[in-house]
């Protein structure tokens, strides 16, 4: 089970120089990748880089808000 739901707003908790991203940038989870065998869950996050997604580990993000889809 993943910690964060789809479409949750999250904030980056670490710098990612390979993407030119700094801690504090916000994005939205668009896909989750539950892992097994002690591996960390993964997420695809949009909004960090225009027109692109970034794959992140659960420990690299923190929940800001959960969007309500109607």
PDB file of N, CA and C in Angstrom:
ATOM      1  N   UNK A   1       0.842  -1.186   0.000  1.00  0.00           N
ATOM      2  CA  UNK A   1       0.000   0.000   0.000  1.00  0.00           C
ATOM      3  C   UNK A   1       0.883   1.244   0.000  1.00  0.00           C
ATOM      4  N   UNK A   2       0.460   2.242  -0.767  1.00  0.00           N
ATOM      5  CA  UNK A   2       1.243   3.466  -0.843  1.00  0.00           C
ATOM      6  C   UNK A   2       0.792   4.462   0.213  1.00  0.00           C
ATOM      7  N   UNK A   3       1.692   5.335   0.586  1.00  0.00           N
ATOM      8  CA  UNK A   3       1.440   6.315   1.637  1.00  0.00           C
ATOM      9  C   UNK A   3       0.598   7.489   1.138  1.00  0.00           C
ATOM     10  N   UNK A   4       0.797   7.867  -0.130  1.00  0.00           N
ATOM     11  CA  UNK A   4       0.130   9.043  -0.682  1.00  0.00           C
ATOM     12  C   UNK A   4      -0.876   8.630  -1.760  1.00  0.00           C
ATOM     13  N   UNK A   5      -2.072   9.253  -1.787  1.00  0.00           N
ATOM     14  CA  UNK A   5      -3.069   8.917  -2.811  1.00  0.00           C
ATOM     15  C   UNK A   5      -2.771   9.611  -4.143  1.00  0.00           C
ATOM     16  N   UNK A   6      -3.377   9.098  -5.214  1.00  0.00           N
ATOM     17  CA  UNK A   6      -3.276   9.768  -6.504  1.00  0.00           C
ATOM     18  C   UNK A   6      -3.847  11.171  -6.410  1.00  0.00           C
ATOM     19  N   UNK A   7      -3.267  12.080  -7.149  1.00  0.00           N
ATOM     20  CA  UNK A   7      -3.673  13.482  -7.256  1.00  0.00           C
ATOM     21  C   UNK A   7      -3.426  14.283  -5.980  1.00  0.00           C
ATOM     22  N   UNK A   8      -2.637  13.725  -5.066  1.00  0.00           N
ATOM     23  CA  UNK A   8      -2.256  14.472  -3.869  1.00  0.00           C
ATOM     24  C   UNK A   8      -1.190  15.493  -4.249  1.00  0.00           C
ATOM     25  N   UNK A   9      -1.277  16.663  -3.629  1.00  0.00           N
ATOM     26  CA  UNK A   9      -0.248  17.684  -3.821  1.00  0.00           C
ATOM     27  C   UNK A   9       0.880  17.391  -2.842  1.00  0.00           C
ATOM     28  N   UNK A  10       2.106  17.333  -3.355  1.00  0.00           N
ATOM     29  CA  UNK A  10       3.266  17.007  -2.528  1.00  0.00           C
ATOM     30  C   UNK A  10       4.361  18.050  -2.727  1.00  0.00           C
ATOM     31  N   UNK A  11       5.282  18.086  -1.762  1.00  0.00           N
ATOM     32  CA  UNK A  11       6.423  18.990  -1.839  1.00  0.00           C
ATOM     33  C   UNK A  11       7.701  18.160  -1.799  1.00  0.00           C
ATOM     34  N   UNK A  12       8.656  18.548  -2.602  1.00  0.00           N
ATOM     35  CA  UNK A  12       9.938  17.859  -2.681  1.00  0.00           C
ATOM     36  C   UNK A  12      10.733  18.118  -1.401  1.00  0.00           C
ATOM     37  N   UNK A  13      11.258  17.065  -0.796  1.00  0.00           N
ATOM     38  CA  UNK A  13      11.985  17.163   0.472  1.00  0.00           C
ATOM     39  C   UNK A  13      13.505  17.160   0.312  1.00  0.00           C
ATOM     40  N   UNK A  14      13.983  16.993  -0.903  1.00  0.00           N
ATOM     41  CA  UNK A  14      15.425  16.955  -1.174  1.00  0.00           C
ATOM     42  C   UNK A  14      15.717  17.705  -2.472  1.00  0.00           C
ATOM     43  N   UNK A  15      16.945  18.163  -2.627  1.00  0.00           N
ATOM     44  CA  UNK A  15      17.384  18.727  -3.898  1.00  0.00           C
ATOM     45  C   UNK A  15      17.632  17.590  -4.885  1.00  0.00           C
ATOM     46  N   UNK A  16      17.275  17.804  -6.143  1.00  0.00           N
ATOM     47  CA  UNK A  16      17.546  16.840  -7.210  1.00  0.00           C
ATOM     48  C   UNK A  16      18.306  17.567  -8.323  1.00  0.00           C
ATOM     49  N   UNK A  17      19.614  17.743  -8.141  1.00  0.00           N
ATOM     50  CA  UNK A  17      20.396  18.517  -9.115  1.00  0.00           C
ATOM     51  C   UNK A  17      20.370  17.937 -10.526  1.00  0.00           C
ATOM     52  N   UNK A  18      20.168  16.617 -10.653  1.00  0.00           N
ATOM     53  CA  UNK A  18      20.117  16.014 -11.989  1.00  0.00           C
ATOM     54  C   UNK A  18      18.917  16.503 -12.797  1.00  0.00           C
ATOM     55  N   UNK A  19      17.894  17.037 -12.104  1.00  0.00           N
ATOM     56  CA  UNK A  19      16.716  17.607 -12.759  1.00  0.00           C
ATOM     57  C   UNK A  19      16.663  19.129 -12.621  1.00  0.00           C
ATOM     58  N   UNK A  20      17.626  19.710 -11.912  1.00  0.00           N
ATOM     59  CA  UNK A  20      17.608  21.147 -11.656  1.00  0.00           C
ATOM     60  C   UNK A  20      16.529  21.548 -10.664  1.00  0.00           C
ATOM     61  N   UNK A  21      16.127  20.622  -9.778  1.00  0.00           N
ATOM     62  CA  UNK A  21      15.053  20.872  -8.812  1.00  0.00           C
ATOM     63  C   UNK A  21      15.617  21.057  -7.411  1.00  0.00           C
ATOM     64  N   UNK A  22      14.986  21.969  -6.664  1.00  0.00           N
ATOM     65  CA  UNK A  22      15.388  22.214  -5.286  1.00  0.00           C
ATOM     66  C   UNK A  22      14.274  21.842  -4.321  1.00  0.00           C
ATOM     67  N   UNK A  23      14.664  21.512  -3.117  1.00  0.00           N
ATOM     68  CA  UNK A  23      13.718  21.213  -2.039  1.00  0.00           C
ATOM     69  C   UNK A  23      12.680  22.329  -1.956  1.00  0.00           C
ATOM     70  N   UNK A  24      11.407  21.942  -1.771  1.00  0.00           N
ATOM     71  CA  UNK A  24      10.336  22.925  -1.628  1.00  0.00           C
ATOM     72  C   UNK A  24       9.456  23.080  -2.855  1.00  0.00           C
ATOM     73  N   UNK A  25       9.870  22.526  -3.996  1.00  0.00           N
ATOM     74  CA  UNK A  25       9.059  22.594  -5.211  1.00  0.00           C
ATOM     75  C   UNK A  25       7.853  21.669  -5.038  1.00  0.00           C
ATOM     76  N   UNK A  26       6.677  22.125  -5.494  1.00  0.00           N
ATOM     77  CA  UNK A  26       5.458  21.334  -5.346  1.00  0.00           C
ATOM     78  C   UNK A  26       5.021  20.712  -6.666  1.00  0.00           C
ATOM     79  N   UNK A  27       4.360  19.558  -6.556  1.00  0.00           N
ATOM     80  CA  UNK A  27       3.819  18.864  -7.709  1.00  0.00           C
ATOM     81  C   UNK A  27       2.633  18.011  -7.299  1.00  0.00           C
ATOM     82  N   UNK A  28       2.094  17.248  -8.246  1.00  0.00           N
ATOM     83  CA  UNK A  28       0.916  16.414  -8.014  1.00  0.00           C
ATOM     84  C   UNK A  28       1.226  14.977  -8.431  1.00  0.00           C
ATOM     85  N   UNK A  29       0.873  14.026  -7.573  1.00  0.00           N
ATOM     86  CA  UNK A  29       1.079  12.608  -7.874  1.00  0.00           C
ATOM     87  C   UNK A  29       0.085  12.165  -8.944  1.00  0.00           C
ATOM     88  N   UNK A  30       0.604  11.566 -10.022  1.00  0.00           N
ATOM     89  CA  UNK A  30      -0.262  11.080 -11.095  1.00  0.00           C
ATOM     90  C   UNK A  30      -0.196   9.561 -11.262  1.00  0.00           C
ATOM     91  N   UNK A  31       0.743   8.915 -10.600  1.00  0.00           N
ATOM     92  CA  UNK A  31       0.856   7.457 -10.643  1.00  0.00           C
ATOM     93  C   UNK A  31       1.638   6.996  -9.424  1.00  0.00           C
ATOM     94  N   UNK A  32       1.255   5.816  -8.914  1.00  0.00           N
ATOM     95  CA  UNK A  32       1.990   5.256  -7.770  1.00  0.00           C
ATOM     96  C   UNK A  32       2.473   3.856  -8.118  1.00  0.00           C
ATOM     97  N   UNK A  33       3.578   3.472  -7.511  1.00  0.00           N
ATOM     98  CA  UNK A  33       4.205   2.177  -7.773  1.00  0.00           C
ATOM     99  C   UNK A  33       4.481   1.478  -6.449  1.00  0.00           C
ATOM    100  N   UNK A  34       3.505   0.709  -5.938  1.00  0.00           N
ATOM    101  CA  UNK A  34       3.712  -0.011  -4.681  1.00  0.00           C
ATOM    102  C   UNK A  34       4.807  -1.061  -4.851  1.00  0.00           C
ATOM    103  N   UNK A  35       5.691  -1.127  -3.899  1.00  0.00           N
ATOM    104  CA  UNK A  35       6.812  -2.065  -3.958  1.00  0.00           C
ATOM    105  C   UNK A  35       6.664  -3.128  -2.870  1.00  0.00           C
ATOM    106  N   UNK A  36       7.402  -4.201  -3.034  1.00  0.00           N
ATOM    107  CA  UNK A  36       7.408  -5.284  -2.055  1.00  0.00           C
ATOM    108  C   UNK A  36       8.838  -5.544  -1.606  1.00  0.00           C
ATOM    109  N   UNK A  37       9.000  -6.510  -0.740  1.00  0.00           N
ATOM    110  CA  UNK A  37      10.319  -6.948  -0.287  1.00  0.00           C
ATOM    111  C   UNK A  37      11.159  -5.826   0.310  1.00  0.00           C
ATOM    112  N   UNK A  38      10.534  -4.921   1.051  1.00  0.00           N
ATOM    113  CA  UNK A  38      11.275  -3.880   1.741  1.00  0.00           C
ATOM    114  C   UNK A  38      11.738  -2.728   0.869  1.00  0.00           C
ATOM    115  N   UNK A  39      11.346  -2.724  -0.408  1.00  0.00           N
ATOM    116  CA  UNK A  39      11.708  -1.609  -1.279  1.00  0.00           C
ATOM    117  C   UNK A  39      10.764  -0.436  -1.046  1.00  0.00           C
ATOM    118  N   UNK A  40      11.250   0.745  -1.321  1.00  0.00           N
ATOM    119  CA  UNK A  40      10.476   1.961  -1.098  1.00  0.00           C
ATOM    120  C   UNK A  40       9.472   2.181  -2.238  1.00  0.00           C
ATOM    121  N   UNK A  41       8.239   2.590  -1.889  1.00  0.00           N
ATOM    122  CA  UNK A  41       7.225   2.906  -2.894  1.00  0.00           C
ATOM    123  C   UNK A  41       7.712   4.046  -3.778  1.00  0.00           C
ATOM    124  N   UNK A  42       7.212   4.074  -5.021  1.00  0.00           N
ATOM    125  CA  UNK A  42       7.583   5.129  -5.951  1.00  0.00           C
ATOM    126  C   UNK A  42       6.362   5.861  -6.472  1.00  0.00           C
ATOM    127  N   UNK A  43       6.586   7.064  -7.005  1.00  0.00           N
ATOM    128  CA  UNK A  43       5.509   7.908  -7.509  1.00  0.00           C
ATOM    129  C   UNK A  43       5.969   8.669  -8.741  1.00  0.00           C
ATOM    130  N   UNK A  44       5.054   8.882  -9.691  1.00  0.00           N
ATOM    131  CA  UNK A  44       5.276   9.817 -10.789  1.00  0.00           C
ATOM    132  C   UNK A  44       4.609  11.119 -10.383  1.00  0.00           C
ATOM    133  N   UNK A  45       5.363  12.201 -10.461  1.00  0.00           N
ATOM    134  CA  UNK A  45       4.874  13.506 -10.013  1.00  0.00           C
ATOM    135  C   UNK A  45       4.964  14.498 -11.171  1.00  0.00           C
ATOM    136  N   UNK A  46       3.849  15.195 -11.430  1.00  0.00           N
ATOM    137  CA  UNK A  46       3.799  16.251 -12.449  1.00  0.00           C
ATOM    138  C   UNK A  46       3.889  17.612 -11.783  1.00  0.00           C
ATOM    139  N   UNK A  47       4.317  18.601 -12.555  1.00  0.00           N
ATOM    140  CA  UNK A  47       4.339  19.973 -12.066  1.00  0.00           C
ATOM    141  C   UNK A  47       5.695  20.421 -11.557  1.00  0.00           C
ATOM    142  N   UNK A  48       6.619  19.498 -11.404  1.00  0.00           N
ATOM    143  CA  UNK A  48       7.963  19.870 -10.966  1.00  0.00           C
ATOM    144  C   UNK A  48       8.761  20.428 -12.138  1.00  0.00           C
ATOM    145  N   UNK A  49       8.572  19.816 -13.306  1.00  0.00           N
ATOM    146  CA  UNK A  49       9.190  20.239 -14.562  1.00  0.00           C
ATOM    147  C   UNK A  49       8.049  20.402 -15.566  1.00  0.00           C
ATOM    148  N   UNK A  50       7.933  21.562 -16.231  1.00  0.00           N
ATOM    149  CA  UNK A  50       6.831  21.761 -17.177  1.00  0.00           C
ATOM    150  C   UNK A  50       6.762  20.653 -18.232  1.00  0.00           C
ATOM    151  N   UNK A  51       5.571  20.129 -18.444  1.00  0.00           N
ATOM    152  CA  UNK A  51       5.253  19.120 -19.456  1.00  0.00           C
ATOM    153  C   UNK A  51       6.065  17.834 -19.310  1.00  0.00           C
ATOM    154  N   UNK A  52       6.392  17.455 -18.079  1.00  0.00           N
ATOM    155  CA  UNK A  52       7.150  16.230 -17.831  1.00  0.00           C
ATOM    156  C   UNK A  52       6.774  15.671 -16.468  1.00  0.00           C
ATOM    157  N   UNK A  53       7.044  14.397 -16.260  1.00  0.00           N
ATOM    158  CA  UNK A  53       6.866  13.790 -14.944  1.00  0.00           C
ATOM    159  C   UNK A  53       8.226  13.364 -14.414  1.00  0.00           C
ATOM    160  N   UNK A  54       8.315  13.304 -13.089  1.00  0.00           N
ATOM    161  CA  UNK A  54       9.539  12.873 -12.422  1.00  0.00           C
ATOM    162  C   UNK A  54       9.171  11.710 -11.511  1.00  0.00           C
ATOM    163  N   UNK A  55       9.943  10.633 -11.571  1.00  0.00           N
ATOM    164  CA  UNK A  55       9.706   9.477 -10.708  1.00  0.00           C
ATOM    165  C   UNK A  55      10.493   9.672  -9.420  1.00  0.00           C
ATOM    166  N   UNK A  56       9.789   9.566  -8.288  1.00  0.00           N
ATOM    167  CA  UNK A  56      10.392   9.831  -6.985  1.00  0.00           C
ATOM    168  C   UNK A  56      10.115   8.706  -6.004  1.00  0.00           C
ATOM    169  N   UNK A  57      10.986   8.595  -5.018  1.00  0.00           N
ATOM    170  CA  UNK A  57      10.785   7.667  -3.909  1.00  0.00           C
ATOM    171  C   UNK A  57       9.902   8.338  -2.865  1.00  0.00           C
ATOM    172  N   UNK A  58       9.214   7.523  -2.081  1.00  0.00           N
ATOM    173  CA  UNK A  58       8.325   8.030  -1.038  1.00  0.00           C
ATOM    174  C   UNK A  58       9.046   8.970  -0.073  1.00  0.00           C
ATOM    175  N   UNK A  59      10.294   8.676   0.252  1.00  0.00           N
ATOM    176  CA  UNK A  59      11.051   9.493   1.204  1.00  0.00           C
ATOM    177  C   UNK A  59      11.462  10.847   0.633  1.00  0.00           C
ATOM    178  N   UNK A  60      11.302  11.050  -0.675  1.00  0.00           N
ATOM    179  CA  UNK A  60      11.706  12.305  -1.297  1.00  0.00           C
ATOM    180  C   UNK A  60      10.593  13.348  -1.326  1.00  0.00           C
ATOM    181  N   UNK A  61       9.376  12.960  -0.918  1.00  0.00           N
ATOM    182  CA  UNK A  61       8.239  13.883  -0.965  1.00  0.00           C
ATOM    183  C   UNK A  61       7.470  13.879   0.353  1.00  0.00           C
ATOM    184  N   UNK A  62       6.701  14.956   0.550  1.00  0.00           N
ATOM    185  CA  UNK A  62       5.842  15.074   1.728  1.00  0.00           C
ATOM    186  C   UNK A  62       4.489  15.613   1.286  1.00  0.00           C
ATOM    187  N   UNK A  63       3.427  15.132   1.905  1.00  0.00           N
ATOM    188  CA  UNK A  63       2.065  15.527   1.556  1.00  0.00           C
ATOM    189  C   UNK A  63       1.797  16.984   1.919  1.00  0.00           C
ATOM    190  N   UNK A  64       1.181  17.717   0.970  1.00  0.00           N
ATOM    191  CA  UNK A  64       0.738  19.088   1.213  1.00  0.00           C
ATOM    192  C   UNK A  64      -0.781  19.109   1.317  1.00  0.00           C
ATOM    193  N   UNK A  65      -1.456  18.502   0.326  1.00  0.00           N
ATOM    194  CA  UNK A  65      -2.922  18.496   0.298  1.00  0.00           C
ATOM    195  C   UNK A  65      -3.412  17.352  -0.579  1.00  0.00           C
ATOM    196  N   UNK A  66      -4.648  16.930  -0.337  1.00  0.00           N
ATOM    197  CA  UNK A  66      -5.289  15.912  -1.163  1.00  0.00           C
ATOM    198  C   UNK A  66      -6.404  16.584  -1.943  1.00  0.00           C
ATOM    199  N   UNK A  67      -6.377  16.461  -3.275  1.00  0.00           N
ATOM    200  CA  UNK A  67      -7.394  17.080  -4.126  1.00  0.00           C
ATOM    201  C   UNK A  67      -8.648  16.224  -4.128  1.00  0.00           C
ATOM    202  N   UNK A  68      -9.786  16.854  -4.046  1.00  0.00           N
ATOM    203  CA  UNK A  68     -11.070  16.165  -4.123  1.00  0.00           C
ATOM    204  C   UNK A  68     -11.562  16.227  -5.559  1.00  0.00           C
ATOM    205  N   UNK A  69     -11.702  15.072  -6.211  1.00  0.00           N
ATOM    206  CA  UNK A  69     -12.186  15.021  -7.589  1.00  0.00           C
ATOM    207  C   UNK A  69     -13.671  14.697  -7.566  1.00  0.00           C
ATOM    208  N   UNK A  70     -14.454  15.515  -8.268  1.00  0.00           N
ATOM    209  CA  UNK A  70     -15.899  15.348  -8.238  1.00  0.00           C
ATOM    210  C   UNK A  70     -16.428  14.884  -9.552  1.00  0.00           C
TER     211      UNK A  70
END
